[in-house]
Amino acid sequence: MKVFLSFVLAVFITSGVSQSRAQQAPPNPEPDSRYKVDILEVVGHPDDDIEVVQN
């Protein structure tokens, strides 16, 4: 009985190792040019001497 359990355990261990090596993530695709955006953001710094007056 111990031999049978040892054999079953060995089969599970080796099958788990072989499956983990076989599964690999696909490579990352190149960036899609349709989603490229050029953005320029201009903001004031808190130390700037700018005063905004609303009428």
PDB file of N, CA and C in Angstrom:
ATOM      1  N   MET A   1       0.816  -1.192   0.000  1.00  0.00           N
ATOM      2  CA  MET A   1       0.000   0.000   0.000  1.00  0.00           C
ATOM      3  C   MET A   1       0.857   1.252   0.000  1.00  0.00           C
ATOM      4  N   LYS A   2       1.969   1.219   0.774  1.00  0.00           N
ATOM      5  CA  LYS A   2       2.864   2.367   0.824  1.00  0.00           C
ATOM      6  C   LYS A   2       3.519   2.601  -0.533  1.00  0.00           C
ATOM      7  N   VAL A   3       3.817   1.522  -1.214  1.00  0.00           N
ATOM      8  CA  VAL A   3       4.445   1.640  -2.522  1.00  0.00           C
ATOM      9  C   VAL A   3       3.477   2.292  -3.501  1.00  0.00           C
ATOM     10  N   PHE A   4       2.230   1.891  -3.448  1.00  0.00           N
ATOM     11  CA  PHE A   4       1.217   2.465  -4.327  1.00  0.00           C
ATOM     12  C   PHE A   4       1.036   3.958  -4.049  1.00  0.00           C
ATOM     13  N   LEU A   5       0.926   4.344  -2.783  1.00  0.00           N
ATOM     14  CA  LEU A   5       0.778   5.752  -2.425  1.00  0.00           C
ATOM     15  C   LEU A   5       2.014   6.552  -2.833  1.00  0.00           C
ATOM     16  N   SER A   6       3.178   5.972  -2.667  1.00  0.00           N
ATOM     17  CA  SER A   6       4.414   6.648  -3.081  1.00  0.00           C
ATOM     18  C   SER A   6       4.425   6.849  -4.585  1.00  0.00           C
ATOM     19  N   PHE A   7       3.978   5.860  -5.326  1.00  0.00           N
ATOM     20  CA  PHE A   7       3.929   5.965  -6.778  1.00  0.00           C
ATOM     21  C   PHE A   7       2.939   7.053  -7.210  1.00  0.00           C
ATOM     22  N   VAL A   8       1.756   7.067  -6.603  1.00  0.00           N
ATOM     23  CA  VAL A   8       0.749   8.077  -6.940  1.00  0.00           C
ATOM     24  C   VAL A   8       1.267   9.472  -6.598  1.00  0.00           C
ATOM     25  N   LEU A   9       1.891   9.631  -5.461  1.00  0.00           N
ATOM     26  CA  LEU A   9       2.458  10.921  -5.067  1.00  0.00           C
ATOM     27  C   LEU A   9       3.545  11.354  -6.040  1.00  0.00           C
ATOM     28  N   ALA A  10       4.392  10.444  -6.455  1.00  0.00           N
ATOM     29  CA  ALA A  10       5.461  10.764  -7.402  1.00  0.00           C
ATOM     30  C   ALA A  10       4.881  11.192  -8.755  1.00  0.00           C
ATOM     31  N   VAL A  11       3.811  10.533  -9.191  1.00  0.00           N
ATOM     32  CA  VAL A  11       3.170  10.896 -10.458  1.00  0.00           C
ATOM     33  C   VAL A  11       2.590  12.296 -10.364  1.00  0.00           C
ATOM     34  N   PHE A  12       1.919  12.629  -9.269  1.00  0.00           N
ATOM     35  CA  PHE A  12       1.350  13.969  -9.109  1.00  0.00           C
ATOM     36  C   PHE A  12       2.435  15.042  -9.062  1.00  0.00           C
ATOM     37  N   ILE A  13       3.513  14.765  -8.367  1.00  0.00           N
ATOM     38  CA  ILE A  13       4.595  15.745  -8.258  1.00  0.00           C
ATOM     39  C   ILE A  13       5.247  15.985  -9.609  1.00  0.00           C
ATOM     40  N   THR A  14       5.549  14.935 -10.345  1.00  0.00           N
ATOM     41  CA  THR A  14       6.221  15.116 -11.632  1.00  0.00           C
ATOM     42  C   THR A  14       5.291  15.722 -12.675  1.00  0.00           C
ATOM     43  N   SER A  15       4.006  15.422 -12.615  1.00  0.00           N
ATOM     44  CA  SER A  15       3.091  16.022 -13.584  1.00  0.00           C
ATOM     45  C   SER A  15       2.907  17.508 -13.293  1.00  0.00           C
ATOM     46  N   GLY A  16       2.910  17.901 -12.044  1.00  0.00           N
ATOM     47  CA  GLY A  16       2.797  19.315 -11.691  1.00  0.00           C
ATOM     48  C   GLY A  16       4.015  20.100 -12.128  1.00  0.00           C
ATOM     49  N   VAL A  17       5.195  19.520 -12.008  1.00  0.00           N
ATOM     50  CA  VAL A  17       6.422  20.193 -12.423  1.00  0.00           C
ATOM     51  C   VAL A  17       6.455  20.344 -13.936  1.00  0.00           C
ATOM     52  N   SER A  18       6.063  19.322 -14.669  1.00  0.00           N
ATOM     53  CA  SER A  18       6.115  19.401 -16.127  1.00  0.00           C
ATOM     54  C   SER A  18       5.085  20.394 -16.655  1.00  0.00           C
ATOM     55  N   GLN A  19       3.924  20.491 -16.016  1.00  0.00           N
ATOM     56  CA  GLN A  19       2.916  21.450 -16.463  1.00  0.00           C
ATOM     57  C   GLN A  19       3.349  22.882 -16.176  1.00  0.00           C
ATOM     58  N   SER A  20       4.008  23.101 -15.046  1.00  0.00           N
ATOM     59  CA  SER A  20       4.423  24.462 -14.730  1.00  0.00           C
ATOM     60  C   SER A  20       5.506  24.942 -15.691  1.00  0.00           C
ATOM     61  N   ARG A  21       6.320  24.068 -16.196  1.00  0.00           N
ATOM     62  CA  ARG A  21       7.345  24.453 -17.161  1.00  0.00           C
ATOM     63  C   ARG A  21       6.741  24.671 -18.546  1.00  0.00           C
ATOM     64  N   ALA A  22       5.672  23.948 -18.860  1.00  0.00           N
ATOM     65  CA  ALA A  22       5.079  24.050 -20.188  1.00  0.00           C
ATOM     66  C   ALA A  22       4.251  25.318 -20.344  1.00  0.00           C
ATOM     67  N   GLN A  23       3.717  25.848 -19.278  1.00  0.00           N
ATOM     68  CA  GLN A  23       2.880  27.030 -19.368  1.00  0.00           C
ATOM     69  C   GLN A  23       3.743  28.281 -19.280  1.00  0.00           C
ATOM     70  N   GLN A  24       3.772  29.045 -20.362  1.00  0.00           N
ATOM     71  CA  GLN A  24       4.525  30.288 -20.391  1.00  0.00           C
ATOM     72  C   GLN A  24       3.604  31.386 -20.886  1.00  0.00           C
ATOM     73  N   ALA A  25       3.797  32.561 -20.358  1.00  0.00           N
ATOM     74  CA  ALA A  25       2.975  33.699 -20.777  1.00  0.00           C
ATOM     75  C   ALA A  25       3.383  34.125 -22.180  1.00  0.00           C
ATOM     76  N   PRO A  26       2.416  34.548 -22.997  1.00  0.00           N
ATOM     77  CA  PRO A  26       2.763  35.034 -24.333  1.00  0.00           C
ATOM     78  C   PRO A  26       3.552  36.339 -24.223  1.00  0.00           C
ATOM     79  N   PRO A  27       4.394  36.635 -25.198  1.00  0.00           N
ATOM     80  CA  PRO A  27       5.167  37.875 -25.130  1.00  0.00           C
ATOM     81  C   PRO A  27       4.244  39.096 -25.227  1.00  0.00           C
ATOM     82  N   ASN A  28       4.687  40.194 -24.648  1.00  0.00           N
ATOM     83  CA  ASN A  28       3.886  41.419 -24.703  1.00  0.00           C
ATOM     84  C   ASN A  28       3.821  41.923 -26.135  1.00  0.00           C
ATOM     85  N   PRO A  29       2.635  42.300 -26.603  1.00  0.00           N
ATOM     86  CA  PRO A  29       2.518  42.824 -27.968  1.00  0.00           C
ATOM     87  C   PRO A  29       3.113  44.232 -28.050  1.00  0.00           C
ATOM     88  N   GLU A  30       3.455  44.634 -29.264  1.00  0.00           N
ATOM     89  CA  GLU A  30       3.983  45.974 -29.483  1.00  0.00           C
ATOM     90  C   GLU A  30       2.864  46.995 -29.241  1.00  0.00           C
ATOM     91  N   PRO A  31       3.215  48.217 -28.837  1.00  0.00           N
ATOM     92  CA  PRO A  31       2.188  49.235 -28.622  1.00  0.00           C
ATOM     93  C   PRO A  31       1.426  49.528 -29.909  1.00  0.00           C
ATOM     94  N   ASP A  32       0.134  49.762 -29.776  1.00  0.00           N
ATOM     95  CA  ASP A  32      -0.725  50.044 -30.920  1.00  0.00           C
ATOM     96  C   ASP A  32      -0.706  51.546 -31.192  1.00  0.00           C
ATOM     97  N   SER A  33      -0.375  51.938 -32.406  1.00  0.00           N
ATOM     98  CA  SER A  33      -0.254  53.356 -32.740  1.00  0.00           C
ATOM     99  C   SER A  33      -1.607  54.069 -32.701  1.00  0.00           C
ATOM    100  N   ARG A  34      -2.701  53.336 -32.740  1.00  0.00           N
ATOM    101  CA  ARG A  34      -4.022  53.967 -32.678  1.00  0.00           C
ATOM    102  C   ARG A  34      -4.279  54.598 -31.319  1.00  0.00           C
ATOM    103  N   TYR A  35      -3.595  54.140 -30.290  1.00  0.00           N
ATOM    104  CA  TYR A  35      -3.832  54.639 -28.946  1.00  0.00           C
ATOM    105  C   TYR A  35      -2.772  55.641 -28.494  1.00  0.00           C
ATOM    106  N   LYS A  36      -1.913  56.092 -29.401  1.00  0.00           N
ATOM    107  CA  LYS A  36      -0.857  57.021 -29.037  1.00  0.00           C
ATOM    108  C   LYS A  36      -1.441  58.427 -28.950  1.00  0.00           C
ATOM    109  N   VAL A  37      -1.112  59.132 -27.859  1.00  0.00           N
ATOM    110  CA  VAL A  37      -1.607  60.481 -27.647  1.00  0.00           C
ATOM    111  C   VAL A  37      -0.449  61.338 -27.148  1.00  0.00           C
ATOM    112  N   ASP A  38      -0.289  62.525 -27.746  1.00  0.00           N
ATOM    113  CA  ASP A  38       0.689  63.490 -27.262  1.00  0.00           C
ATOM    114  C   ASP A  38      -0.068  64.527 -26.438  1.00  0.00           C
ATOM    115  N   ILE A  39       0.294  64.656 -25.167  1.00  0.00           N
ATOM    116  CA  ILE A  39      -0.402  65.570 -24.272  1.00  0.00           C
ATOM    117  C   ILE A  39       0.609  66.520 -23.656  1.00  0.00           C
ATOM    118  N   LEU A  40       0.277  67.815 -23.664  1.00  0.00           N
ATOM    119  CA  LEU A  40       1.077  68.826 -22.993  1.00  0.00           C
ATOM    120  C   LEU A  40       0.190  69.459 -21.931  1.00  0.00           C
ATOM    121  N   GLU A  41       0.621  69.407 -20.697  1.00  0.00           N
ATOM    122  CA  GLU A  41      -0.150  69.976 -19.598  1.00  0.00           C
ATOM    123  C   GLU A  41       0.672  71.098 -18.992  1.00  0.00           C
ATOM    124  N   VAL A  42       0.097  72.284 -18.920  1.00  0.00           N
ATOM    125  CA  VAL A  42       0.763  73.447 -18.355  1.00  0.00           C
ATOM    126  C   VAL A  42       0.026  73.828 -17.082  1.00  0.00           C
ATOM    127  N   VAL A  43       0.721  73.783 -15.962  1.00  0.00           N
ATOM    128  CA  VAL A  43       0.119  74.104 -14.678  1.00  0.00           C
ATOM    129  C   VAL A  43       1.030  75.069 -13.925  1.00  0.00           C
ATOM    130  N   GLY A  44       0.453  75.798 -13.005  1.00  0.00           N
ATOM    131  CA  GLY A  44       1.229  76.709 -12.188  1.00  0.00           C
ATOM    132  C   GLY A  44       1.779  76.013 -10.966  1.00  0.00           C
ATOM    133  N   HIS A  45       2.927  76.495 -10.511  1.00  0.00           N
ATOM    134  CA  HIS A  45       3.554  75.962  -9.313  1.00  0.00           C
ATOM    135  C   HIS A  45       3.046  76.764  -8.123  1.00  0.00           C
ATOM    136  N   PRO A  46       2.891  76.188  -6.953  1.00  0.00           N
ATOM    137  CA  PRO A  46       2.384  76.947  -5.797  1.00  0.00           C
ATOM    138  C   PRO A  46       3.244  78.163  -5.438  1.00  0.00           C
ATOM    139  N   ASP A  47       4.512  78.165  -5.801  1.00  0.00           N
ATOM    140  CA  ASP A  47       5.379  79.309  -5.492  1.00  0.00           C
ATOM    141  C   ASP A  47       5.311  80.402  -6.543  1.00  0.00           C
ATOM    142  N   ASP A  48       4.576  80.206  -7.625  1.00  0.00           N
ATOM    143  CA  ASP A  48       4.473  81.224  -8.676  1.00  0.00           C
ATOM    144  C   ASP A  48       3.690  82.427  -8.142  1.00  0.00           C
ATOM    145  N   ASP A  49       4.075  83.621  -8.586  1.00  0.00           N
ATOM    146  CA  ASP A  49       3.404  84.863  -8.187  1.00  0.00           C
ATOM    147  C   ASP A  49       2.321  85.208  -9.192  1.00  0.00           C
ATOM    148  N   ILE A  50       1.255  84.446  -9.194  1.00  0.00           N
ATOM    149  CA  ILE A  50       0.147  84.666 -10.118  1.00  0.00           C
ATOM    150  C   ILE A  50      -1.124  84.808  -9.277  1.00  0.00           C
ATOM    151  N   GLU A  51      -1.913  85.847  -9.597  1.00  0.00           N
ATOM    152  CA  GLU A  51      -3.162  86.044  -8.887  1.00  0.00           C
ATOM    153  C   GLU A  51      -4.296  86.031  -9.901  1.00  0.00           C
ATOM    154  N   VAL A  52      -5.309  85.231  -9.638  1.00  0.00           N
ATOM    155  CA  VAL A  52      -6.461  85.141 -10.529  1.00  0.00           C
ATOM    156  C   VAL A  52      -7.596  85.931  -9.911  1.00  0.00           C
ATOM    157  N   VAL A  53      -8.138  86.894 -10.686  1.00  0.00           N
ATOM    158  CA  VAL A  53      -9.230  87.730 -10.202  1.00  0.00           C
ATOM    159  C   VAL A  53     -10.465  87.418 -11.022  1.00  0.00           C
ATOM    160  N   GLN A  54     -11.569  87.096 -10.344  1.00  0.00           N
ATOM    161  CA  GLN A  54     -12.814  86.828 -11.044  1.00  0.00           C
ATOM    162  C   GLN A  54     -13.738  88.025 -10.858  1.00  0.00           C
ATOM    163  N   ASN A  55     -14.391  88.457 -11.939  1.00  0.00           N
ATOM    164  CA  ASN A  55     -15.330  89.588 -11.867  1.00  0.00           C
ATOM    165  C   ASN A  55     -16.721  89.105 -11.568  1.00  0.00           C
TER     166      ASN A  55
END
